[in-house]
Amino acid sequence: MNKTNLIKEVSKKSNLSQRESMNALNAITEIITQTLKRGDEVSLLGFGKFEVSQRKERMSINPKTKEPILIMAQKVPVFKVSKTFKAQMH
């Protein structure tokens, strides 16, 4: 499902117009993004948790040149599924 399809489904389920649904979805993604940028997490009970994980510095290999390269430490967003949501998938 892409963003357009998600907006249509939100519109159907919520009785909002597609424009209102798009605005709501954009607001939610912006809030989650800004919260993660601050280093905080977003927890949605029964769904999951968005948080920032710290990846360590590591060595890898450049696939073109086969030479070793250093990949710097970095922060990456991650999503962890809740146990409740995971149980619903079975």
PDB file of N, CA and C in Angstrom:
ATOM      1  N   MET A   1       0.853  -1.175   0.000  1.00  0.00           N
ATOM      2  CA  MET A   1       0.000   0.000   0.000  1.00  0.00           C
ATOM      3  C   MET A   1       0.899   1.238   0.000  1.00  0.00           C
ATOM      4  N   ASN A   2       0.598   2.172  -0.855  1.00  0.00           N
ATOM      5  CA  ASN A   2       1.371   3.413  -0.889  1.00  0.00           C
ATOM      6  C   ASN A   2       0.610   4.510  -0.145  1.00  0.00           C
ATOM      7  N   LYS A   3       1.196   5.698  -0.107  1.00  0.00           N
ATOM      8  CA  LYS A   3       0.612   6.807   0.659  1.00  0.00           C
ATOM      9  C   LYS A   3      -0.768   7.191   0.130  1.00  0.00           C
ATOM     10  N   THR A   4      -0.936   7.220  -1.188  1.00  0.00           N
ATOM     11  CA  THR A   4      -2.228   7.579  -1.778  1.00  0.00           C
ATOM     12  C   THR A   4      -3.310   6.599  -1.357  1.00  0.00           C
ATOM     13  N   ASN A   5      -2.993   5.309  -1.416  1.00  0.00           N
ATOM     14  CA  ASN A   5      -3.964   4.291  -1.012  1.00  0.00           C
ATOM     15  C   ASN A   5      -4.274   4.386   0.477  1.00  0.00           C
ATOM     16  N   LEU A   6      -3.260   4.668   1.279  1.00  0.00           N
ATOM     17  CA  LEU A   6      -3.460   4.810   2.721  1.00  0.00           C
ATOM     18  C   LEU A   6      -4.385   5.989   3.014  1.00  0.00           C
ATOM     19  N   ILE A   7      -4.198   7.084   2.326  1.00  0.00           N
ATOM     20  CA  ILE A   7      -5.063   8.256   2.512  1.00  0.00           C
ATOM     21  C   ILE A   7      -6.505   7.910   2.166  1.00  0.00           C
ATOM     22  N   LYS A   8      -6.715   7.172   1.079  1.00  0.00           N
ATOM     23  CA  LYS A   8      -8.073   6.764   0.688  1.00  0.00           C
ATOM     24  C   LYS A   8      -8.707   5.889   1.758  1.00  0.00           C
ATOM     25  N   GLU A   9      -7.939   4.956   2.308  1.00  0.00           N
ATOM     26  CA  GLU A   9      -8.464   4.055   3.345  1.00  0.00           C
ATOM     27  C   GLU A   9      -8.771   4.815   4.634  1.00  0.00           C
ATOM     28  N   VAL A  10      -7.900   5.734   5.007  1.00  0.00           N
ATOM     29  CA  VAL A  10      -8.148   6.557   6.201  1.00  0.00           C
ATOM     30  C   VAL A  10      -9.415   7.372   5.991  1.00  0.00           C
ATOM     31  N   SER A  11      -9.599   7.913   4.805  1.00  0.00           N
ATOM     32  CA  SER A  11     -10.778   8.694   4.485  1.00  0.00           C
ATOM     33  C   SER A  11     -12.051   7.858   4.649  1.00  0.00           C
ATOM     34  N   LYS A  12     -12.021   6.634   4.152  1.00  0.00           N
ATOM     35  CA  LYS A  12     -13.187   5.745   4.263  1.00  0.00           C
ATOM     36  C   LYS A  12     -13.489   5.400   5.720  1.00  0.00           C
ATOM     37  N   LYS A  13     -12.464   5.043   6.481  1.00  0.00           N
ATOM     38  CA  LYS A  13     -12.644   4.575   7.866  1.00  0.00           C
ATOM     39  C   LYS A  13     -13.001   5.700   8.827  1.00  0.00           C
ATOM     40  N   SER A  14     -12.571   6.917   8.526  1.00  0.00           N
ATOM     41  CA  SER A  14     -12.728   8.009   9.485  1.00  0.00           C
ATOM     42  C   SER A  14     -13.826   9.006   9.123  1.00  0.00           C
ATOM     43  N   ASN A  15     -14.425   8.839   7.961  1.00  0.00           N
ATOM     44  CA  ASN A  15     -15.422   9.799   7.463  1.00  0.00           C
ATOM     45  C   ASN A  15     -14.841  11.200   7.305  1.00  0.00           C
ATOM     46  N   LEU A  16     -13.538  11.267   7.052  1.00  0.00           N
ATOM     47  CA  LEU A  16     -12.889  12.536   6.722  1.00  0.00           C
ATOM     48  C   LEU A  16     -12.739  12.604   5.209  1.00  0.00           C
ATOM     49  N   SER A  17     -12.611  13.814   4.692  1.00  0.00           N
ATOM     50  CA  SER A  17     -12.345  13.938   3.263  1.00  0.00           C
ATOM     51  C   SER A  17     -10.923  13.447   2.992  1.00  0.00           C
ATOM     52  N   GLN A  18     -10.612  13.209   1.731  1.00  0.00           N
ATOM     53  CA  GLN A  18      -9.254  12.766   1.398  1.00  0.00           C
ATOM     54  C   GLN A  18      -8.245  13.862   1.728  1.00  0.00           C
ATOM     55  N   ARG A  19      -8.611  15.119   1.550  1.00  0.00           N
ATOM     56  CA  ARG A  19      -7.711  16.227   1.886  1.00  0.00           C
ATOM     57  C   ARG A  19      -7.457  16.255   3.402  1.00  0.00           C
ATOM     58  N   GLU A  20      -8.512  16.076   4.191  1.00  0.00           N
ATOM     59  CA  GLU A  20      -8.349  16.051   5.653  1.00  0.00           C
ATOM     60  C   GLU A  20      -7.511  14.852   6.085  1.00  0.00           C
ATOM     61  N   SER A  21      -7.733  13.721   5.450  1.00  0.00           N
ATOM     62  CA  SER A  21      -6.957  12.522   5.755  1.00  0.00           C
ATOM     63  C   SER A  21      -5.486  12.716   5.403  1.00  0.00           C
ATOM     64  N   MET A  22      -5.221  13.354   4.266  1.00  0.00           N
ATOM     65  CA  MET A  22      -3.848  13.628   3.857  1.00  0.00           C
ATOM     66  C   MET A  22      -3.180  14.576   4.858  1.00  0.00           C
ATOM     67  N   ASN A  23      -3.907  15.616   5.275  1.00  0.00           N
ATOM     68  CA  ASN A  23      -3.361  16.553   6.249  1.00  0.00           C
ATOM     69  C   ASN A  23      -3.061  15.855   7.575  1.00  0.00           C
ATOM     70  N   ALA A  24      -3.954  14.968   8.004  1.00  0.00           N
ATOM     71  CA  ALA A  24      -3.747  14.232   9.255  1.00  0.00           C
ATOM     72  C   ALA A  24      -2.526  13.320   9.136  1.00  0.00           C
ATOM     73  N   LEU A  25      -2.417  12.599   8.039  1.00  0.00           N
ATOM     74  CA  LEU A  25      -1.278  11.698   7.842  1.00  0.00           C
ATOM     75  C   LEU A  25       0.026  12.480   7.781  1.00  0.00           C
ATOM     76  N   ASN A  26       0.032  13.597   7.068  1.00  0.00           N
ATOM     77  CA  ASN A  26       1.230  14.437   6.996  1.00  0.00           C
ATOM     78  C   ASN A  26       1.608  14.974   8.370  1.00  0.00           C
ATOM     79  N   ALA A  27       0.616  15.361   9.159  1.00  0.00           N
ATOM     80  CA  ALA A  27       0.881  15.872  10.507  1.00  0.00           C
ATOM     81  C   ALA A  27       1.477  14.764  11.384  1.00  0.00           C
ATOM     82  N   ILE A  28       0.930  13.557  11.290  1.00  0.00           N
ATOM     83  CA  ILE A  28       1.429  12.434  12.091  1.00  0.00           C
ATOM     84  C   ILE A  28       2.871  12.111  11.726  1.00  0.00           C
ATOM     85  N   THR A  29       3.163  12.026  10.433  1.00  0.00           N
ATOM     86  CA  THR A  29       4.536  11.688  10.034  1.00  0.00           C
ATOM     87  C   THR A  29       5.507  12.796  10.422  1.00  0.00           C
ATOM     88  N   GLU A  30       5.070  14.051  10.348  1.00  0.00           N
ATOM     89  CA  GLU A  30       5.929  15.167  10.754  1.00  0.00           C
ATOM     90  C   GLU A  30       6.204  15.129  12.256  1.00  0.00           C
ATOM     91  N   ILE A  31       5.176  14.837  13.043  1.00  0.00           N
ATOM     92  CA  ILE A  31       5.344  14.754  14.499  1.00  0.00           C
ATOM     93  C   ILE A  31       6.286  13.615  14.865  1.00  0.00           C
ATOM     94  N   ILE A  32       6.109  12.452  14.243  1.00  0.00           N
ATOM     95  CA  ILE A  32       6.994  11.315  14.520  1.00  0.00           C
ATOM     96  C   ILE A  32       8.425  11.666  14.141  1.00  0.00           C
ATOM     97  N   THR A  33       8.618  12.274  12.981  1.00  0.00           N
ATOM     98  CA  THR A  33       9.958  12.655  12.518  1.00  0.00           C
ATOM     99  C   THR A  33      10.616  13.631  13.490  1.00  0.00           C
ATOM    100  N   GLN A  34       9.901  14.667  13.886  1.00  0.00           N
ATOM    101  CA  GLN A  34      10.462  15.668  14.795  1.00  0.00           C
ATOM    102  C   GLN A  34      10.773  15.065  16.171  1.00  0.00           C
ATOM    103  N   THR A  35       9.920  14.166  16.640  1.00  0.00           N
ATOM    104  CA  THR A  35      10.140  13.514  17.928  1.00  0.00           C
ATOM    105  C   THR A  35      11.399  12.661  17.887  1.00  0.00           C
ATOM    106  N   LEU A  36      11.588  11.911  16.794  1.00  0.00           N
ATOM    107  CA  LEU A  36      12.782  11.079  16.660  1.00  0.00           C
ATOM    108  C   LEU A  36      14.037  11.939  16.524  1.00  0.00           C
ATOM    109  N   LYS A  37      13.941  13.059  15.822  1.00  0.00           N
ATOM    110  CA  LYS A  37      15.088  13.962  15.685  1.00  0.00           C
ATOM    111  C   LYS A  37      15.554  14.474  17.045  1.00  0.00           C
ATOM    112  N   ARG A  38      14.610  14.656  17.982  1.00  0.00           N
ATOM    113  CA  ARG A  38      14.952  15.104  19.329  1.00  0.00           C
ATOM    114  C   ARG A  38      15.561  13.975  20.160  1.00  0.00           C
ATOM    115  N   GLY A  39      15.486  12.746  19.642  1.00  0.00           N
ATOM    116  CA  GLY A  39      16.019  11.600  20.372  1.00  0.00           C
ATOM    117  C   GLY A  39      14.989  10.910  21.247  1.00  0.00           C
ATOM    118  N   ASP A  40      13.734  11.337  21.154  1.00  0.00           N
ATOM    119  CA  ASP A  40      12.653  10.725  21.921  1.00  0.00           C
ATOM    120  C   ASP A  40      12.024   9.600  21.115  1.00  0.00           C
ATOM    121  N   GLU A  41      11.119   8.882  21.742  1.00  0.00           N
ATOM    122  CA  GLU A  41      10.437   7.790  21.042  1.00  0.00           C
ATOM    123  C   GLU A  41       8.947   8.052  20.985  1.00  0.00           C
ATOM    124  N   VAL A  42       8.277   7.371  20.050  1.00  0.00           N
ATOM    125  CA  VAL A  42       6.827   7.458  19.898  1.00  0.00           C
ATOM    126  C   VAL A  42       6.283   6.050  20.082  1.00  0.00           C
ATOM    127  N   SER A  43       5.473   5.876  21.116  1.00  0.00           N
ATOM    128  CA  SER A  43       4.926   4.564  21.423  1.00  0.00           C
ATOM    129  C   SER A  43       3.420   4.584  21.191  1.00  0.00           C
ATOM    130  N   LEU A  44       2.942   3.654  20.362  1.00  0.00           N
ATOM    131  CA  LEU A  44       1.519   3.530  20.063  1.00  0.00           C
ATOM    132  C   LEU A  44       1.036   2.197  20.626  1.00  0.00           C
ATOM    133  N   LEU A  45       0.326   2.247  21.750  1.00  0.00           N
ATOM    134  CA  LEU A  45      -0.123   1.056  22.456  1.00  0.00           C
ATOM    135  C   LEU A  45      -0.861   0.101  21.518  1.00  0.00           C
ATOM    136  N   GLY A  46      -0.453  -1.148  21.504  1.00  0.00           N
ATOM    137  CA  GLY A  46      -1.086  -2.155  20.662  1.00  0.00           C
ATOM    138  C   GLY A  46      -0.583  -2.171  19.228  1.00  0.00           C
ATOM    139  N   PHE A  47       0.309  -1.249  18.878  1.00  0.00           N
ATOM    140  CA  PHE A  47       0.836  -1.181  17.505  1.00  0.00           C
ATOM    141  C   PHE A  47       2.348  -1.351  17.500  1.00  0.00           C
ATOM    142  N   GLY A  48       3.055  -0.441  18.160  1.00  0.00           N
ATOM    143  CA  GLY A  48       4.498  -0.542  18.203  1.00  0.00           C
ATOM    144  C   GLY A  48       5.147   0.745  18.660  1.00  0.00           C
ATOM    145  N   LYS A  49       6.469   0.788  18.517  1.00  0.00           N
ATOM    146  CA  LYS A  49       7.230   1.922  19.003  1.00  0.00           C
ATOM    147  C   LYS A  49       8.254   2.354  17.959  1.00  0.00           C
ATOM    148  N   PHE A  50       8.282   3.646  17.669  1.00  0.00           N
ATOM    149  CA  PHE A  50       9.305   4.250  16.822  1.00  0.00           C
ATOM    150  C   PHE A  50      10.370   4.802  17.749  1.00  0.00           C
ATOM    151  N   GLU A  51      11.628   4.479  17.475  1.00  0.00           N
ATOM    152  CA  GLU A  51      12.714   5.003  18.289  1.00  0.00           C
ATOM    153  C   GLU A  51      13.970   5.161  17.451  1.00  0.00           C
ATOM    154  N   VAL A  52      14.989   5.772  18.041  1.00  0.00           N
ATOM    155  CA  VAL A  52      16.256   5.990  17.360  1.00  0.00           C
ATOM    156  C   VAL A  52      17.266   5.003  17.937  1.00  0.00           C
ATOM    157  N   SER A  53      17.955   4.319  17.047  1.00  0.00           N
ATOM    158  CA  SER A  53      18.992   3.366  17.446  1.00  0.00           C
ATOM    159  C   SER A  53      20.347   3.911  16.998  1.00  0.00           C
ATOM    160  N   GLN A  54      21.358   3.659  17.803  1.00  0.00           N
ATOM    161  CA  GLN A  54      22.709   4.117  17.479  1.00  0.00           C
ATOM    162  C   GLN A  54      23.487   2.946  16.874  1.00  0.00           C
ATOM    163  N   ARG A  55      23.916   3.081  15.629  1.00  0.00           N
ATOM    164  CA  ARG A  55      24.773   2.070  14.999  1.00  0.00           C
ATOM    165  C   ARG A  55      26.221   2.419  15.270  1.00  0.00           C
ATOM    166  N   LYS A  56      27.000   1.419  15.595  1.00  0.00           N
ATOM    167  CA  LYS A  56      28.420   1.632  15.871  1.00  0.00           C
ATOM    168  C   LYS A  56      29.206   1.807  14.578  1.00  0.00           C
ATOM    169  N   GLU A  57      30.369   2.417  14.720  1.00  0.00           N
ATOM    170  CA  GLU A  57      31.301   2.535  13.602  1.00  0.00           C
ATOM    171  C   GLU A  57      31.747   1.120  13.221  1.00  0.00           C
ATOM    172  N   ARG A  58      31.891   0.851  11.927  1.00  0.00           N
ATOM    173  CA  ARG A  58      32.282  -0.501  11.510  1.00  0.00           C
ATOM    174  C   ARG A  58      33.049  -0.473  10.201  1.00  0.00           C
ATOM    175  N   MET A  59      33.739  -1.544   9.958  1.00  0.00           N
ATOM    176  CA  MET A  59      34.470  -1.711   8.698  1.00  0.00           C
ATOM    177  C   MET A  59      33.593  -2.493   7.732  1.00  0.00           C
ATOM    178  N   SER A  60      33.666  -2.135   6.461  1.00  0.00           N
ATOM    179  CA  SER A  60      32.948  -2.845   5.416  1.00  0.00           C
ATOM    180  C   SER A  60      33.838  -2.876   4.185  1.00  0.00           C
ATOM    181  N   ILE A  61      33.284  -3.361   3.074  1.00  0.00           N
ATOM    182  CA  ILE A  61      34.052  -3.445   1.831  1.00  0.00           C
ATOM    183  C   ILE A  61      33.286  -2.731   0.738  1.00  0.00           C
ATOM    184  N   ASN A  62      33.982  -1.865   0.001  1.00  0.00           N
ATOM    185  CA  ASN A  62      33.390  -1.195  -1.146  1.00  0.00           C
ATOM    186  C   ASN A  62      33.176  -2.259  -2.224  1.00  0.00           C
ATOM    187  N   PRO A  63      31.928  -2.503  -2.651  1.00  0.00           N
ATOM    188  CA  PRO A  63      31.668  -3.570  -3.616  1.00  0.00           C
ATOM    189  C   PRO A  63      32.310  -3.340  -4.991  1.00  0.00           C
ATOM    190  N   LYS A  64      32.554  -2.086  -5.345  1.00  0.00           N
ATOM    191  CA  LYS A  64      33.162  -1.801  -6.648  1.00  0.00           C
ATOM    192  C   LYS A  64      34.664  -2.041  -6.633  1.00  0.00           C
ATOM    193  N   THR A  65      35.312  -1.514  -5.607  1.00  0.00           N
ATOM    194  CA  THR A  65      36.782  -1.584  -5.577  1.00  0.00           C
ATOM    195  C   THR A  65      37.309  -2.722  -4.715  1.00  0.00           C
ATOM    196  N   LYS A  66      36.447  -3.334  -3.919  1.00  0.00           N
ATOM    197  CA  LYS A  66      36.814  -4.417  -2.993  1.00  0.00           C
ATOM    198  C   LYS A  66      37.774  -3.931  -1.898  1.00  0.00           C
ATOM    199  N   GLU A  67      37.860  -2.621  -1.726  1.00  0.00           N
ATOM    200  CA  GLU A  67      38.734  -2.060  -0.700  1.00  0.00           C
ATOM    201  C   GLU A  67      37.951  -1.870   0.593  1.00  0.00           C
ATOM    202  N   PRO A  68      38.612  -2.019   1.723  1.00  0.00           N
ATOM    203  CA  PRO A  68      37.925  -1.789   2.991  1.00  0.00           C
ATOM    204  C   PRO A  68      37.602  -0.306   3.177  1.00  0.00           C
ATOM    205  N   ILE A  69      36.426  -0.047   3.739  1.00  0.00           N
ATOM    206  CA  ILE A  69      36.023   1.326   4.030  1.00  0.00           C
ATOM    207  C   ILE A  69      35.465   1.376   5.450  1.00  0.00           C
ATOM    208  N   LEU A  70      35.587   2.530   6.064  1.00  0.00           N
ATOM    209  CA  LEU A  70      35.065   2.740   7.406  1.00  0.00           C
ATOM    210  C   LEU A  70      33.693   3.395   7.301  1.00  0.00           C
ATOM    211  N   ILE A  71      32.702   2.759   7.901  1.00  0.00           N
ATOM    212  CA  ILE A  71      31.357   3.334   7.956  1.00  0.00           C
ATOM    213  C   ILE A  71      31.215   3.968   9.333  1.00  0.00           C
ATOM    214  N   MET A  72      30.988   5.260   9.349  1.00  0.00           N
ATOM    215  CA  MET A  72      30.917   6.017  10.595  1.00  0.00           C
ATOM    216  C   MET A  72      29.689   5.630  11.409  1.00  0.00           C
ATOM    217  N   ALA A  73      29.771   5.852  12.712  1.00  0.00           N
ATOM    218  CA  ALA A  73      28.626   5.634  13.592  1.00  0.00           C
ATOM    219  C   ALA A  73      27.495   6.556  13.146  1.00  0.00           C
ATOM    220  N   GLN A  74      26.268   6.078  13.294  1.00  0.00           N
ATOM    221  CA  GLN A  74      25.131   6.892  12.882  1.00  0.00           C
ATOM    222  C   GLN A  74      23.885   6.523  13.653  1.00  0.00           C
ATOM    223  N   LYS A  75      22.970   7.460  13.717  1.00  0.00           N
ATOM    224  CA  LYS A  75      21.667   7.218  14.336  1.00  0.00           C
ATOM    225  C   LYS A  75      20.696   6.840  13.230  1.00  0.00           C
ATOM    226  N   VAL A  76      19.871   5.814  13.492  1.00  0.00           N
ATOM    227  CA  VAL A  76      18.889   5.374  12.500  1.00  0.00           C
ATOM    228  C   VAL A  76      17.533   5.169  13.176  1.00  0.00           C
ATOM    229  N   PRO A  77      16.446   5.512  12.483  1.00  0.00           N
ATOM    230  CA  PRO A  77      15.122   5.257  13.046  1.00  0.00           C
ATOM    231  C   PRO A  77      14.788   3.772  12.932  1.00  0.00           C
ATOM    232  N   VAL A  78      14.134   3.236  13.965  1.00  0.00           N
ATOM    233  CA  VAL A  78      13.698   1.841  13.940  1.00  0.00           C
ATOM    234  C   VAL A  78      12.255   1.761  14.431  1.00  0.00           C
ATOM    235  N   PHE A  79      11.572   0.713  14.018  1.00  0.00           N
ATOM    236  CA  PHE A  79      10.212   0.463  14.475  1.00  0.00           C
ATOM    237  C   PHE A  79      10.172  -0.923  15.083  1.00  0.00           C
ATOM    238  N   LYS A  80       9.669  -1.013  16.297  1.00  0.00           N
ATOM    239  CA  LYS A  80       9.523  -2.299  16.976  1.00  0.00           C
ATOM    240  C   LYS A  80       8.038  -2.591  17.134  1.00  0.00           C
ATOM    241  N   VAL A  81       7.620  -3.723  16.612  1.00  0.00           N
ATOM    242  CA  VAL A  81       6.217  -4.125  16.650  1.00  0.00           C
ATOM    243  C   VAL A  81       5.851  -4.560  18.064  1.00  0.00           C
ATOM    244  N   SER A  82       4.656  -4.184  18.526  1.00  0.00           N
ATOM    245  CA  SER A  82       4.203  -4.597  19.854  1.00  0.00           C
ATOM    246  C   SER A  82       3.816  -6.068  19.841  1.00  0.00           C
ATOM    247  N   LYS A  83       3.840  -6.678  21.014  1.00  0.00           N
ATOM    248  CA  LYS A  83       3.452  -8.082  21.141  1.00  0.00           C
ATOM    249  C   LYS A  83       1.995  -8.288  20.750  1.00  0.00           C
ATOM    250  N   THR A  84       1.144  -7.331  21.087  1.00  0.00           N
ATOM    251  CA  THR A  84      -0.271  -7.415  20.737  1.00  0.00           C
ATOM    252  C   THR A  84      -0.474  -7.446  19.229  1.00  0.00           C
ATOM    253  N   PHE A  85       0.204  -6.543  18.533  1.00  0.00           N
ATOM    254  CA  PHE A  85       0.090  -6.482  17.074  1.00  0.00           C
ATOM    255  C   PHE A  85       0.658  -7.736  16.429  1.00  0.00           C
ATOM    256  N   LYS A  86       1.795  -8.195  16.939  1.00  0.00           N
ATOM    257  CA  LYS A  86       2.437  -9.395  16.407  1.00  0.00           C
ATOM    258  C   LYS A  86       1.511 -10.610  16.561  1.00  0.00           C
ATOM    259  N   ALA A  87       0.821 -10.688  17.708  1.00  0.00           N
ATOM    260  CA  ALA A  87      -0.096 -11.806  17.958  1.00  0.00           C
ATOM    261  C   ALA A  87      -1.277 -11.781  16.997  1.00  0.00           C
ATOM    262  N   GLN A  88      -1.714 -10.598  16.578  1.00  0.00           N
ATOM    263  CA  GLN A  88      -2.837 -10.480  15.653  1.00  0.00           C
ATOM    264  C   GLN A  88      -2.476 -10.959  14.250  1.00  0.00           C
ATOM    265  N   MET A  89      -1.200 -11.014  13.937  1.00  0.00           N
ATOM    266  CA  MET A  89      -0.761 -11.415  12.611  1.00  0.00           C
ATOM    267  C   MET A  89      -0.781 -12.934  12.419  1.00  0.00           C
ATOM    268  N   HIS A  90      -0.914 -13.668  13.509  1.00  0.00           N
ATOM    269  CA  HIS A  90      -0.918 -15.150  13.392  1.00  0.00           C
ATOM    270  C   HIS A  90      -2.294 -15.692  13.260  1.00  0.00           C
TER     271      HIS A  90
END
